[in-house]
């Protein structure tokens, strides 16, 4: 299976820094994670042959955001994250990238504003054809197979992968955009080497352990180049983007992000396979013709997809 080797966190050239126009956001109290999505209209989503499947990034990001909201819906205090997202010509070895704009609060501080950009000129090596944009990202009918992977550890069996395979139609020989969206939001939730929560707990590559009161305290993974590096290709937060699959959020992914962002009670249950998210706190969907994202040079140590 060919994979794009994707590194560096860079930003969208050509998007002006300007005031952000958003829809009104309710000031009512919320529990757990709330993701507000802001779509950058320019440039628009590419069409065939780069992007096939007739889906739209706005729908795909909504489903991905709801999937993460389901996991962090209670037990860690209020956590609000604004994500600006869209398309742009970014690093030549990237399919997409995330970077932290700001973090806020204390005890703990968490990322509260992030940018995610999909590449209009991604690296394509045969047989890879481009992106698959699922027109129905809330279900997984384009994939014929589903499997979970777990490993024995000193703290019990831990799920490390939830993977759809056996692609059909436009999902064949393409990078699934829902998988990429889930991965990049994972970075925005704390798996970002510019986030203080990560730096304070883990100043470099090596073994990283989950601590109480989070579940599976003592579970250890190896982290390198900004990704999980020792559990084969199973977790969502691995270094390279698999082709022709859809990797959902595993328990291992959730535990690492929970530790970085000090969220105590993540929901580790198996997600619904008919809908990747339960509608908990539908993300605010706003539109902007410009962005607060700024151009930054690539960093080969960031390890983005």
C-alpha atoms as a PDB file:
ATOM      1  CA  UNK A   1       0.000   0.000   0.000  1.00  0.00           C
ATOM      2  CA  UNK A   2       1.455   3.358  -0.969  1.00  0.00           C
ATOM      3  CA  UNK A   3       1.316   6.109   1.586  1.00  0.00           C
ATOM      4  CA  UNK A   4       2.164   9.756   1.381  1.00  0.00           C
ATOM      5  CA  UNK A   5       4.941  10.616   3.792  1.00  0.00           C
ATOM      6  CA  UNK A   6       3.592  13.786   5.250  1.00  0.00           C
ATOM      7  CA  UNK A   7       5.540  16.139   7.371  1.00  0.00           C
ATOM      8  CA  UNK A   8       5.664  19.801   8.320  1.00  0.00           C
ATOM      9  CA  UNK A   9       3.122  22.243   9.530  1.00  0.00           C
ATOM     10  CA  UNK A  10       2.677  25.060   7.067  1.00  0.00           C
ATOM     11  CA  UNK A  11      -0.113  27.410   6.268  1.00  0.00           C
ATOM     12  CA  UNK A  12      -2.242  28.639   3.488  1.00  0.00           C
ATOM     13  CA  UNK A  13      -0.507  31.144   1.259  1.00  0.00           C
ATOM     14  CA  UNK A  14      -2.817  33.634  -0.359  1.00  0.00           C
ATOM     15  CA  UNK A  15      -5.428  33.915   2.396  1.00  0.00           C
ATOM     16  CA  UNK A  16      -5.397  37.408   3.760  1.00  0.00           C
ATOM     17  CA  UNK A  17      -5.298  38.041   7.465  1.00  0.00           C
ATOM     18  CA  UNK A  18      -8.561  39.780   8.184  1.00  0.00           C
ATOM     19  CA  UNK A  19     -11.406  40.006  10.628  1.00  0.00           C
ATOM     20  CA  UNK A  20     -13.335  36.764  10.925  1.00  0.00           C
ATOM     21  CA  UNK A  21     -17.060  36.868  10.253  1.00  0.00           C
ATOM     22  CA  UNK A  22     -18.916  34.216  12.175  1.00  0.00           C
ATOM     23  CA  UNK A  23     -22.431  33.379  13.096  1.00  0.00           C
ATOM     24  CA  UNK A  24     -23.581  34.114  16.619  1.00  0.00           C
ATOM     25  CA  UNK A  25     -22.563  31.506  19.153  1.00  0.00           C
ATOM     26  CA  UNK A  26     -24.784  30.665  22.064  1.00  0.00           C
ATOM     27  CA  UNK A  27     -23.434  31.729  25.427  1.00  0.00           C
ATOM     28  CA  UNK A  28     -25.339  29.009  27.229  1.00  0.00           C
ATOM     29  CA  UNK A  29     -23.344  26.663  29.388  1.00  0.00           C
ATOM     30  CA  UNK A  30     -22.088  23.472  27.789  1.00  0.00           C
ATOM     31  CA  UNK A  31     -20.464  20.394  29.159  1.00  0.00           C
ATOM     32  CA  UNK A  32     -17.362  18.799  27.738  1.00  0.00           C
ATOM     33  CA  UNK A  33     -16.010  19.531  24.270  1.00  0.00           C
ATOM     34  CA  UNK A  34     -17.715  21.952  21.900  1.00  0.00           C
ATOM     35  CA  UNK A  35     -16.185  22.455  18.445  1.00  0.00           C
ATOM     36  CA  UNK A  36     -17.184  25.480  16.381  1.00  0.00           C
ATOM     37  CA  UNK A  37     -16.284  25.141  12.699  1.00  0.00           C
ATOM     38  CA  UNK A  38     -15.493  28.098  10.437  1.00  0.00           C
ATOM     39  CA  UNK A  39     -15.220  27.264   6.730  1.00  0.00           C
ATOM     40  CA  UNK A  40     -12.847  29.345   4.610  1.00  0.00           C
ATOM     41  CA  UNK A  41     -14.586  29.737   1.239  1.00  0.00           C
ATOM     42  CA  UNK A  42     -11.536  30.704  -0.838  1.00  0.00           C
ATOM     43  CA  UNK A  43     -10.090  28.741  -2.498  1.00  0.00           C
ATOM     44  CA  UNK A  44     -13.042  26.470  -3.217  1.00  0.00           C
ATOM     45  CA  UNK A  45     -12.929  22.680  -3.021  1.00  0.00           C
ATOM     46  CA  UNK A  46     -11.155  21.140  -6.034  1.00  0.00           C
ATOM     47  CA  UNK A  47     -13.131  18.890  -8.340  1.00  0.00           C
ATOM     48  CA  UNK A  48     -12.214  15.754 -10.304  1.00  0.00           C
ATOM     49  CA  UNK A  49      -9.767  14.187 -10.816  1.00  0.00           C
ATOM     50  CA  UNK A  50      -8.157  15.342  -7.552  1.00  0.00           C
ATOM     51  CA  UNK A  51     -11.359  15.041  -5.476  1.00  0.00           C
ATOM     52  CA  UNK A  52     -13.936  12.385  -6.379  1.00  0.00           C
ATOM     53  CA  UNK A  53     -17.081  11.194  -4.653  1.00  0.00           C
ATOM     54  CA  UNK A  54     -19.317  14.295  -4.743  1.00  0.00           C
ATOM     55  CA  UNK A  55     -18.985  14.944  -1.002  1.00  0.00           C
ATOM     56  CA  UNK A  56     -18.242  18.318   0.537  1.00  0.00           C
ATOM     57  CA  UNK A  57     -15.551  19.154   3.072  1.00  0.00           C
ATOM     58  CA  UNK A  58     -18.082  21.085   5.166  1.00  0.00           C
ATOM     59  CA  UNK A  59     -20.188  17.959   5.781  1.00  0.00           C
ATOM     60  CA  UNK A  60     -17.128  15.782   6.318  1.00  0.00           C
ATOM     61  CA  UNK A  61     -15.663  18.133   8.930  1.00  0.00           C
ATOM     62  CA  UNK A  62     -19.011  18.323  10.731  1.00  0.00           C
ATOM     63  CA  UNK A  63     -19.160  14.531  11.093  1.00  0.00           C
ATOM     64  CA  UNK A  64     -15.507  14.393  12.196  1.00  0.00           C
ATOM     65  CA  UNK A  65     -16.067  17.104  14.807  1.00  0.00           C
ATOM     66  CA  UNK A  66     -19.149  15.331  16.169  1.00  0.00           C
ATOM     67  CA  UNK A  67     -17.150  12.117  16.464  1.00  0.00           C
ATOM     68  CA  UNK A  68     -14.631  13.799  18.763  1.00  0.00           C
ATOM     69  CA  UNK A  69     -17.367  15.628  20.690  1.00  0.00           C
ATOM     70  CA  UNK A  70     -18.965  12.266  21.496  1.00  0.00           C
ATOM     71  CA  UNK A  71     -15.730  11.085  23.094  1.00  0.00           C
ATOM     72  CA  UNK A  72     -15.140  14.203  25.193  1.00  0.00           C
ATOM     73  CA  UNK A  73     -18.726  15.019  26.059  1.00  0.00           C
ATOM     74  CA  UNK A  74     -18.399  14.897  29.862  1.00  0.00           C
ATOM     75  CA  UNK A  75     -15.978  14.591  32.711  1.00  0.00           C
ATOM     76  CA  UNK A  76     -13.348  17.157  31.800  1.00  0.00           C
ATOM     77  CA  UNK A  77     -14.948  20.560  32.287  1.00  0.00           C
ATOM     78  CA  UNK A  78     -15.965  22.965  29.560  1.00  0.00           C
ATOM     79  CA  UNK A  79     -13.734  22.843  26.488  1.00  0.00           C
ATOM     80  CA  UNK A  80     -14.475  25.068  23.517  1.00  0.00           C
ATOM     81  CA  UNK A  81     -12.438  24.887  20.324  1.00  0.00           C
ATOM     82  CA  UNK A  82     -12.816  26.987  17.179  1.00  0.00           C
ATOM     83  CA  UNK A  83     -11.409  25.418  14.013  1.00  0.00           C
ATOM     84  CA  UNK A  84     -10.972  27.383  10.810  1.00  0.00           C
ATOM     85  CA  UNK A  85     -10.653  24.998   7.892  1.00  0.00           C
ATOM     86  CA  UNK A  86     -10.548  24.930   4.112  1.00  0.00           C
ATOM     87  CA  UNK A  87      -8.292  24.312   1.144  1.00  0.00           C
ATOM     88  CA  UNK A  88      -4.938  25.732   0.095  1.00  0.00           C
ATOM     89  CA  UNK A  89      -1.606  25.016  -1.551  1.00  0.00           C
ATOM     90  CA  UNK A  90       0.493  23.879   1.389  1.00  0.00           C
ATOM     91  CA  UNK A  91       3.688  21.838   1.762  1.00  0.00           C
ATOM     92  CA  UNK A  92       4.394  19.573  -1.226  1.00  0.00           C
ATOM     93  CA  UNK A  93       4.563  16.432   0.941  1.00  0.00           C
ATOM     94  CA  UNK A  94       1.280  17.071   2.754  1.00  0.00           C
ATOM     95  CA  UNK A  95      -2.319  16.003   2.309  1.00  0.00           C
ATOM     96  CA  UNK A  96      -3.482  18.263   5.122  1.00  0.00           C
ATOM     97  CA  UNK A  97      -2.112  20.068   8.132  1.00  0.00           C
ATOM     98  CA  UNK A  98      -3.186  21.507  11.463  1.00  0.00           C
ATOM     99  CA  UNK A  99      -1.606  24.196  13.558  1.00  0.00           C
ATOM    100  CA  UNK A 100      -2.438  25.851  16.839  1.00  0.00           C
ATOM    101  CA  UNK A 101      -3.477  29.505  16.728  1.00  0.00           C
ATOM    102  CA  UNK A 102      -4.010  29.950  20.469  1.00  0.00           C
ATOM    103  CA  UNK A 103      -4.697  28.206  23.740  1.00  0.00           C
ATOM    104  CA  UNK A 104      -6.486  29.486  26.804  1.00  0.00           C
ATOM    105  CA  UNK A 105      -7.644  28.804  30.327  1.00  0.00           C
ATOM    106  CA  UNK A 106      -5.586  27.256  33.041  1.00  0.00           C
ATOM    107  CA  UNK A 107      -5.572  24.062  35.036  1.00  0.00           C
ATOM    108  CA  UNK A 108      -5.572  22.929  32.336  1.00  0.00           C
ATOM    109  CA  UNK A 109      -4.808  25.214  29.416  1.00  0.00           C
ATOM    110  CA  UNK A 110      -6.252  23.766  26.214  1.00  0.00           C
ATOM    111  CA  UNK A 111      -6.087  24.670  22.538  1.00  0.00           C
ATOM    112  CA  UNK A 112      -9.019  26.973  21.813  1.00  0.00           C
ATOM    113  CA  UNK A 113      -8.313  28.038  18.207  1.00  0.00           C
ATOM    114  CA  UNK A 114      -6.770  25.997  15.420  1.00  0.00           C
ATOM    115  CA  UNK A 115      -6.435  25.926  11.629  1.00  0.00           C
ATOM    116  CA  UNK A 116      -6.813  22.862   9.387  1.00  0.00           C
ATOM    117  CA  UNK A 117      -6.037  23.061   5.678  1.00  0.00           C
ATOM    118  CA  UNK A 118      -6.424  20.400   2.963  1.00  0.00           C
ATOM    119  CA  UNK A 119      -3.874  20.504   0.151  1.00  0.00           C
ATOM    120  CA  UNK A 120      -4.968  21.519  -3.349  1.00  0.00           C
ATOM    121  CA  UNK A 121      -1.672  20.061  -4.657  1.00  0.00           C
ATOM    122  CA  UNK A 122      -1.000  16.932  -2.548  1.00  0.00           C
ATOM    123  CA  UNK A 123       1.725  14.393  -3.298  1.00  0.00           C
ATOM    124  CA  UNK A 124       0.322  11.780  -5.688  1.00  0.00           C
ATOM    125  CA  UNK A 125       2.306   8.678  -6.566  1.00  0.00           C
ATOM    126  CA  UNK A 126       0.695   5.789  -8.442  1.00  0.00           C
ATOM    127  CA  UNK A 127      -1.578   4.088  -7.651  1.00  0.00           C
ATOM    128  CA  UNK A 128      -2.785   6.964  -5.427  1.00  0.00           C
ATOM    129  CA  UNK A 129      -5.318   9.053  -7.361  1.00  0.00           C
ATOM    130  CA  UNK A 130      -6.289  11.792  -4.907  1.00  0.00           C
ATOM    131  CA  UNK A 131      -8.964  12.378  -2.269  1.00  0.00           C
ATOM    132  CA  UNK A 132     -12.230  10.546  -1.680  1.00  0.00           C
ATOM    133  CA  UNK A 133     -14.988  12.970  -0.630  1.00  0.00           C
ATOM    134  CA  UNK A 134     -17.748  10.805   0.837  1.00  0.00           C
ATOM    135  CA  UNK A 135     -21.203  12.239  -0.005  1.00  0.00           C
ATOM    136  CA  UNK A 136     -22.624  10.428   3.065  1.00  0.00           C
ATOM    137  CA  UNK A 137     -19.839  10.663   5.669  1.00  0.00           C
ATOM    138  CA  UNK A 138     -22.235   9.761   8.486  1.00  0.00           C
ATOM    139  CA  UNK A 139     -22.213   6.147   7.285  1.00  0.00           C
ATOM    140  CA  UNK A 140     -19.595   3.857   5.792  1.00  0.00           C
ATOM    141  CA  UNK A 141     -21.280   2.100   2.888  1.00  0.00           C
ATOM    142  CA  UNK A 142     -18.311   2.578   0.528  1.00  0.00           C
ATOM    143  CA  UNK A 143     -16.247   0.114   2.585  1.00  0.00           C
ATOM    144  CA  UNK A 144     -17.036  -3.617   2.713  1.00  0.00           C
ATOM    145  CA  UNK A 145     -14.944  -4.631   5.729  1.00  0.00           C
ATOM    146  CA  UNK A 146     -14.598  -3.475   9.313  1.00  0.00           C
ATOM    147  CA  UNK A 147     -12.203  -4.712  11.974  1.00  0.00           C
ATOM    148  CA  UNK A 148     -11.036  -3.701  15.418  1.00  0.00           C
ATOM    149  CA  UNK A 149      -7.559  -4.388  16.770  1.00  0.00           C
ATOM    150  CA  UNK A 150      -6.601  -4.739  20.447  1.00  0.00           C
ATOM    151  CA  UNK A 151      -3.391  -5.653  22.242  1.00  0.00           C
ATOM    152  CA  UNK A 152      -2.709  -7.141  25.703  1.00  0.00           C
ATOM    153  CA  UNK A 153      -0.969  -4.768  28.115  1.00  0.00           C
ATOM    154  CA  UNK A 154      -0.154  -4.680  31.808  1.00  0.00           C
ATOM    155  CA  UNK A 155      -3.407  -2.782  32.360  1.00  0.00           C
ATOM    156  CA  UNK A 156      -5.620  -5.033  30.234  1.00  0.00           C
ATOM    157  CA  UNK A 157      -6.539  -5.321  26.584  1.00  0.00           C
ATOM    158  CA  UNK A 158      -6.463  -1.926  24.851  1.00  0.00           C
ATOM    159  CA  UNK A 159      -8.115  -1.152  21.530  1.00  0.00           C
ATOM    160  CA  UNK A 160      -5.554   0.356  19.125  1.00  0.00           C
ATOM    161  CA  UNK A 161      -7.514   0.412  15.855  1.00  0.00           C
ATOM    162  CA  UNK A 162     -10.987   0.678  14.325  1.00  0.00           C
ATOM    163  CA  UNK A 163     -10.567   0.327  10.587  1.00  0.00           C
ATOM    164  CA  UNK A 164     -12.778   0.129   7.522  1.00  0.00           C
ATOM    165  CA  UNK A 165     -11.206  -1.518   4.457  1.00  0.00           C
ATOM    166  CA  UNK A 166     -12.397  -3.093   1.218  1.00  0.00           C
ATOM    167  CA  UNK A 167     -13.077   0.215  -0.542  1.00  0.00           C
ATOM    168  CA  UNK A 168     -15.532   0.451  -3.427  1.00  0.00           C
ATOM    169  CA  UNK A 169     -16.166   3.019  -6.138  1.00  0.00           C
ATOM    170  CA  UNK A 170     -14.355   6.328  -5.701  1.00  0.00           C
ATOM    171  CA  UNK A 171     -12.919   5.190  -2.359  1.00  0.00           C
ATOM    172  CA  UNK A 172     -10.485   2.874  -4.210  1.00  0.00           C
ATOM    173  CA  UNK A 173      -6.882   4.149  -4.451  1.00  0.00           C
ATOM    174  CA  UNK A 174      -7.750   7.407  -2.687  1.00  0.00           C
ATOM    175  CA  UNK A 175      -7.171   9.077   0.679  1.00  0.00           C
ATOM    176  CA  UNK A 176     -10.431   9.260   2.604  1.00  0.00           C
ATOM    177  CA  UNK A 177     -11.151  12.877   3.581  1.00  0.00           C
ATOM    178  CA  UNK A 178     -13.118  11.864   6.691  1.00  0.00           C
ATOM    179  CA  UNK A 179     -10.118   9.925   7.952  1.00  0.00           C
ATOM    180  CA  UNK A 180      -7.907  12.978   7.338  1.00  0.00           C
ATOM    181  CA  UNK A 181     -10.396  15.305   9.059  1.00  0.00           C
ATOM    182  CA  UNK A 182     -10.540  13.035  12.121  1.00  0.00           C
ATOM    183  CA  UNK A 183      -6.738  12.922  12.245  1.00  0.00           C
ATOM    184  CA  UNK A 184      -6.228  16.674  11.945  1.00  0.00           C
ATOM    185  CA  UNK A 185      -8.871  17.443  14.572  1.00  0.00           C
ATOM    186  CA  UNK A 186      -6.968  15.024  16.813  1.00  0.00           C
ATOM    187  CA  UNK A 187      -3.953  17.315  16.490  1.00  0.00           C
ATOM    188  CA  UNK A 188      -6.147  20.328  17.278  1.00  0.00           C
ATOM    189  CA  UNK A 189      -7.330  18.600  20.465  1.00  0.00           C
ATOM    190  CA  UNK A 190      -3.826  18.443  21.902  1.00  0.00           C
ATOM    191  CA  UNK A 191      -1.545  16.264  19.760  1.00  0.00           C
ATOM    192  CA  UNK A 192       0.285  19.410  18.639  1.00  0.00           C
ATOM    193  CA  UNK A 193       3.919  20.022  19.554  1.00  0.00           C
ATOM    194  CA  UNK A 194       3.289  23.738  20.034  1.00  0.00           C
ATOM    195  CA  UNK A 195       0.651  23.075  22.693  1.00  0.00           C
ATOM    196  CA  UNK A 196       1.850  23.634  26.263  1.00  0.00           C
ATOM    197  CA  UNK A 197      -0.053  20.577  27.509  1.00  0.00           C
ATOM    198  CA  UNK A 198       2.030  18.345  25.268  1.00  0.00           C
ATOM    199  CA  UNK A 199       5.334  20.144  25.878  1.00  0.00           C
ATOM    200  CA  UNK A 200       4.928  20.146  29.656  1.00  0.00           C
ATOM    201  CA  UNK A 201       4.308  16.396  29.758  1.00  0.00           C
ATOM    202  CA  UNK A 202       6.400  15.195  26.853  1.00  0.00           C
ATOM    203  CA  UNK A 203       9.312  17.360  25.688  1.00  0.00           C
ATOM    204  CA  UNK A 204      10.492  15.014  22.929  1.00  0.00           C
ATOM    205  CA  UNK A 205      10.216  11.597  21.283  1.00  0.00           C
ATOM    206  CA  UNK A 206       9.994   8.411  23.320  1.00  0.00           C
ATOM    207  CA  UNK A 207       7.696   6.442  25.589  1.00  0.00           C
ATOM    208  CA  UNK A 208       4.609   8.221  26.892  1.00  0.00           C
ATOM    209  CA  UNK A 209       2.418   6.861  29.690  1.00  0.00           C
ATOM    210  CA  UNK A 210      -1.222   7.446  30.550  1.00  0.00           C
ATOM    211  CA  UNK A 211      -1.737   8.599  34.132  1.00  0.00           C
ATOM    212  CA  UNK A 212      -4.635   8.354  36.589  1.00  0.00           C
ATOM    213  CA  UNK A 213      -7.443   9.333  36.832  1.00  0.00           C
ATOM    214  CA  UNK A 214      -7.717   8.528  33.118  1.00  0.00           C
ATOM    215  CA  UNK A 215      -8.665   4.957  32.197  1.00  0.00           C
ATOM    216  CA  UNK A 216      -5.888   2.423  31.541  1.00  0.00           C
ATOM    217  CA  UNK A 217      -3.399   4.364  33.660  1.00  0.00           C
ATOM    218  CA  UNK A 218       0.028   2.903  32.933  1.00  0.00           C
ATOM    219  CA  UNK A 219      -0.665   2.181  29.254  1.00  0.00           C
ATOM    220  CA  UNK A 220       2.412   3.279  27.291  1.00  0.00           C
ATOM    221  CA  UNK A 221       2.939   4.211  23.654  1.00  0.00           C
ATOM    222  CA  UNK A 222       5.968   5.414  21.721  1.00  0.00           C
ATOM    223  CA  UNK A 223       5.558   8.879  20.204  1.00  0.00           C
ATOM    224  CA  UNK A 224       7.829  10.150  17.454  1.00  0.00           C
ATOM    225  CA  UNK A 225       7.595  12.967  14.876  1.00  0.00           C
ATOM    226  CA  UNK A 226       4.340  14.135  16.438  1.00  0.00           C
ATOM    227  CA  UNK A 227       2.474  10.831  16.025  1.00  0.00           C
ATOM    228  CA  UNK A 228       1.931   7.409  17.596  1.00  0.00           C
ATOM    229  CA  UNK A 229       4.840   5.375  16.248  1.00  0.00           C
ATOM    230  CA  UNK A 230       4.786   1.873  17.757  1.00  0.00           C
ATOM    231  CA  UNK A 231       1.359   0.334  17.086  1.00  0.00           C
ATOM    232  CA  UNK A 232       1.805  -0.502  13.391  1.00  0.00           C
ATOM    233  CA  UNK A 233      -0.744   1.160  11.090  1.00  0.00           C
ATOM    234  CA  UNK A 234      -3.744   0.717  13.364  1.00  0.00           C
ATOM    235  CA  UNK A 235      -4.258   3.999  15.279  1.00  0.00           C
ATOM    236  CA  UNK A 236      -5.730   7.090  13.655  1.00  0.00           C
ATOM    237  CA  UNK A 237      -2.842   9.268  14.880  1.00  0.00           C
ATOM    238  CA  UNK A 238      -0.068   7.489  12.965  1.00  0.00           C
ATOM    239  CA  UNK A 239       2.584   9.219  10.862  1.00  0.00           C
ATOM    240  CA  UNK A 240       1.330   8.551   7.330  1.00  0.00           C
ATOM    241  CA  UNK A 241      -2.094   8.558   5.673  1.00  0.00           C
ATOM    242  CA  UNK A 242      -3.264   5.084   4.589  1.00  0.00           C
ATOM    243  CA  UNK A 243      -4.864   4.750   1.152  1.00  0.00           C
ATOM    244  CA  UNK A 244      -8.185   3.002   0.593  1.00  0.00           C
ATOM    245  CA  UNK A 245      -9.140   2.768   4.267  1.00  0.00           C
ATOM    246  CA  UNK A 246     -11.121   4.712   6.838  1.00  0.00           C
ATOM    247  CA  UNK A 247      -9.538   4.684  10.283  1.00  0.00           C
ATOM    248  CA  UNK A 248     -11.800   5.799  13.102  1.00  0.00           C
ATOM    249  CA  UNK A 249     -10.728   6.982  16.547  1.00  0.00           C
ATOM    250  CA  UNK A 250      -9.245   4.173  18.638  1.00  0.00           C
ATOM    251  CA  UNK A 251      -8.981   3.933  22.406  1.00  0.00           C
ATOM    252  CA  UNK A 252      -5.204   4.406  22.099  1.00  0.00           C
ATOM    253  CA  UNK A 253      -5.701   7.676  20.175  1.00  0.00           C
ATOM    254  CA  UNK A 254      -8.230   8.863  22.745  1.00  0.00           C
ATOM    255  CA  UNK A 255      -6.042   8.050  25.749  1.00  0.00           C
ATOM    256  CA  UNK A 256      -3.029   9.941  24.413  1.00  0.00           C
ATOM    257  CA  UNK A 257      -5.052  13.054  23.586  1.00  0.00           C
ATOM    258  CA  UNK A 258      -6.899  12.815  26.911  1.00  0.00           C
ATOM    259  CA  UNK A 259      -3.562  12.822  28.727  1.00  0.00           C
ATOM    260  CA  UNK A 260      -2.134  15.762  26.778  1.00  0.00           C
ATOM    261  CA  UNK A 261      -5.279  17.850  27.360  1.00  0.00           C
ATOM    262  CA  UNK A 262      -5.928  16.482  30.879  1.00  0.00           C
ATOM    263  CA  UNK A 263      -9.427  15.222  30.149  1.00  0.00           C
ATOM    264  CA  UNK A 264     -10.351  12.686  32.828  1.00  0.00           C
ATOM    265  CA  UNK A 265     -13.354  10.724  31.562  1.00  0.00           C
ATOM    266  CA  UNK A 266     -13.294  10.105  27.804  1.00  0.00           C
ATOM    267  CA  UNK A 267     -15.977   7.868  26.334  1.00  0.00           C
ATOM    268  CA  UNK A 268     -14.099   4.767  25.147  1.00  0.00           C
ATOM    269  CA  UNK A 269     -17.129   2.896  23.848  1.00  0.00           C
ATOM    270  CA  UNK A 270     -17.374   1.615  20.296  1.00  0.00           C
ATOM    271  CA  UNK A 271     -18.843   4.333  18.053  1.00  0.00           C
ATOM    272  CA  UNK A 272     -21.964   3.769  16.001  1.00  0.00           C
ATOM    273  CA  UNK A 273     -20.912   2.497  12.596  1.00  0.00           C
ATOM    274  CA  UNK A 274     -23.982   4.017  10.949  1.00  0.00           C
ATOM    275  CA  UNK A 275     -23.191   7.505  12.187  1.00  0.00           C
ATOM    276  CA  UNK A 276     -19.771   8.723  13.245  1.00  0.00           C
ATOM    277  CA  UNK A 277     -20.998  10.924  16.051  1.00  0.00           C
ATOM    278  CA  UNK A 278     -24.170  11.176  18.080  1.00  0.00           C
ATOM    279  CA  UNK A 279     -25.202  14.759  17.397  1.00  0.00           C
ATOM    280  CA  UNK A 280     -24.037  15.931  20.817  1.00  0.00           C
ATOM    281  CA  UNK A 281     -23.648  19.671  20.416  1.00  0.00           C
ATOM    282  CA  UNK A 282     -23.875  20.070  16.627  1.00  0.00           C
ATOM    283  CA  UNK A 283     -20.807  22.149  15.705  1.00  0.00           C
ATOM    284  CA  UNK A 284     -21.456  25.758  14.784  1.00  0.00           C
ATOM    285  CA  UNK A 285     -20.850  26.079  11.051  1.00  0.00           C
ATOM    286  CA  UNK A 286     -19.792  29.550   9.982  1.00  0.00           C
ATOM    287  CA  UNK A 287     -18.321  30.851   6.746  1.00  0.00           C
ATOM    288  CA  UNK A 288     -15.526  33.317   6.172  1.00  0.00           C
ATOM    289  CA  UNK A 289     -14.113  34.743   2.958  1.00  0.00           C
ATOM    290  CA  UNK A 290     -10.834  35.467   4.727  1.00  0.00           C
ATOM    291  CA  UNK A 291      -8.945  33.890   7.568  1.00  0.00           C
ATOM    292  CA  UNK A 292      -7.038  34.688  10.719  1.00  0.00           C
ATOM    293  CA  UNK A 293      -4.624  31.923   9.679  1.00  0.00           C
ATOM    294  CA  UNK A 294      -1.198  33.284   8.793  1.00  0.00           C
ATOM    295  CA  UNK A 295       1.553  31.964   6.532  1.00  0.00           C
ATOM    296  CA  UNK A 296       4.261  30.131   8.430  1.00  0.00           C
ATOM    297  CA  UNK A 297       7.317  28.227   7.204  1.00  0.00           C
ATOM    298  CA  UNK A 298       7.169  24.406   7.235  1.00  0.00           C
ATOM    299  CA  UNK A 299       8.607  22.616  10.263  1.00  0.00           C
ATOM    300  CA  UNK A 300       9.841  19.111   9.415  1.00  0.00           C
ATOM    301  CA  UNK A 301       9.402  18.016  13.036  1.00  0.00           C
ATOM    302  CA  UNK A 302       5.682  18.718  13.186  1.00  0.00           C
ATOM    303  CA  UNK A 303       4.668  15.548  11.367  1.00  0.00           C
ATOM    304  CA  UNK A 304       1.337  16.518   9.893  1.00  0.00           C
ATOM    305  CA  UNK A 305      -0.582  14.474   7.313  1.00  0.00           C
END
